[in-house]
Amino acid sequence: MLNMLALLQEAMSTGQGLAVGLAIIGGGLAVLGAGLGIGRIGGQMTEAMARQPENSATIQTGAILLSVFIEGAVLFALVIAGFLRG
């Protein structure tokens, strides 16, 4: 948290405050969206496994793959936000 405050103070002194602020907001929204998406995947996976226990392995594999794809997209978004900030 202190590092973030130091980063914001430095950005304001160099005149890049808006770019840094928007990059931080974009990164935060990406992480928030991923958390909501992965949480929804987990909930739906649990319901599907309760309805069809015989397909548990297939359902779990699909849910893990979807979670990995979401995490990859978030990592990409955070890298882009980092480049926009710098």
Protein backbone atom coordinates (compact mmCIF):
# COMPACT_ATOMS: atom_id res chain seq x y z
CA MET A 1 0.00 0.00 0.00
CA LEU A 2 2.81 2.41 0.85
CA ASN A 3 4.53 1.56 -2.42
CA MET A 4 1.34 2.48 -4.29
CA LEU A 5 1.15 5.83 -2.50
CA ALA A 6 4.77 6.57 -3.36
CA LEU A 7 4.09 5.64 -6.98
CA LEU A 8 1.10 7.98 -7.14
CA GLN A 9 3.03 10.85 -5.57
CA GLU A 10 5.86 10.39 -8.07
CA ALA A 11 3.41 10.28 -10.97
CA MET A 12 1.73 13.49 -9.86
CA SER A 13 5.07 15.27 -9.65
CA THR A 14 6.06 14.21 -13.19
CA GLY A 15 2.69 15.07 -14.75
CA GLN A 16 1.64 11.50 -15.58
CA GLY A 17 -0.98 11.27 -12.87
CA LEU A 18 -3.95 10.58 -15.13
CA ALA A 19 -2.18 7.79 -17.03
CA VAL A 20 -1.04 6.10 -13.84
CA GLY A 21 -4.45 6.47 -12.22
CA LEU A 22 -6.27 4.99 -15.19
CA ALA A 23 -3.76 2.13 -15.48
CA ILE A 24 -4.28 1.29 -11.81
CA ILE A 25 -8.06 1.43 -12.20
CA GLY A 26 -7.86 -0.78 -15.30
CA GLY A 27 -5.74 -3.34 -13.50
CA GLY A 28 -8.11 -3.33 -10.54
CA LEU A 29 -11.13 -3.85 -12.77
CA ALA A 30 -9.39 -6.75 -14.52
CA VAL A 31 -8.67 -8.45 -11.19
CA LEU A 32 -12.22 -7.79 -9.97
CA GLY A 33 -13.71 -9.28 -13.13
CA ALA A 34 -11.50 -12.34 -12.85
CA GLY A 35 -12.49 -12.89 -9.25
CA LEU A 36 -16.17 -12.69 -10.11
CA GLY A 37 -15.74 -14.94 -13.14
CA ILE A 38 -13.77 -17.64 -11.35
CA GLY A 39 -16.20 -17.52 -8.42
CA ARG A 40 -19.09 -18.06 -10.79
CA ILE A 41 -17.29 -20.94 -12.49
CA GLY A 42 -16.73 -22.57 -9.10
CA GLY A 43 -20.37 -22.20 -8.12
CA GLN A 44 -21.70 -23.55 -11.40
CA MET A 45 -19.20 -26.42 -11.29
CA THR A 46 -20.42 -27.40 -7.84
CA GLU A 47 -24.04 -27.38 -9.00
CA ALA A 48 -23.23 -29.40 -12.11
CA MET A 49 -21.29 -31.99 -10.11
CA ALA A 50 -24.19 -32.29 -7.66
CA ARG A 51 -26.63 -32.92 -10.52
CA GLN A 52 -24.40 -35.36 -12.43
CA PRO A 53 -21.82 -36.96 -10.14
CA GLU A 54 -20.83 -39.45 -12.85
CA ASN A 55 -19.42 -36.60 -14.97
CA SER A 56 -17.45 -34.98 -12.16
CA ALA A 57 -14.04 -35.43 -13.77
CA THR A 58 -15.12 -33.88 -17.07
CA ILE A 59 -16.86 -30.97 -15.36
CA GLN A 60 -13.88 -30.31 -13.10
CA THR A 61 -11.44 -30.38 -16.04
CA GLY A 62 -13.56 -27.90 -17.97
CA ALA A 63 -13.83 -25.58 -14.98
CA ILE A 64 -10.08 -25.64 -14.38
CA LEU A 65 -9.40 -24.85 -18.04
CA LEU A 66 -11.83 -21.93 -17.99
CA SER A 67 -10.20 -20.59 -14.83
CA VAL A 68 -6.77 -20.82 -16.45
CA PHE A 69 -7.99 -18.91 -19.51
CA ILE A 70 -9.45 -16.18 -17.29
CA GLU A 71 -6.20 -15.91 -15.32
CA GLY A 72 -4.25 -15.65 -18.58
CA ALA A 73 -6.46 -12.82 -19.79
CA VAL A 74 -6.04 -10.99 -16.48
CA LEU A 75 -2.28 -11.39 -16.60
CA PHE A 76 -2.31 -9.92 -20.10
CA ALA A 77 -4.49 -7.02 -18.92
CA LEU A 78 -2.16 -6.31 -16.00
CA VAL A 79 0.89 -6.33 -18.28
CA ILE A 80 -0.82 -3.91 -20.66
CA ALA A 81 -1.80 -1.69 -17.71
CA GLY A 82 1.82 -1.75 -16.57
CA PHE A 83 3.02 -0.67 -20.01
CA LEU A 84 0.45 2.13 -20.13
CA ARG A 85 1.55 3.29 -16.72
CA GLY A 86 5.22 3.42 -17.68
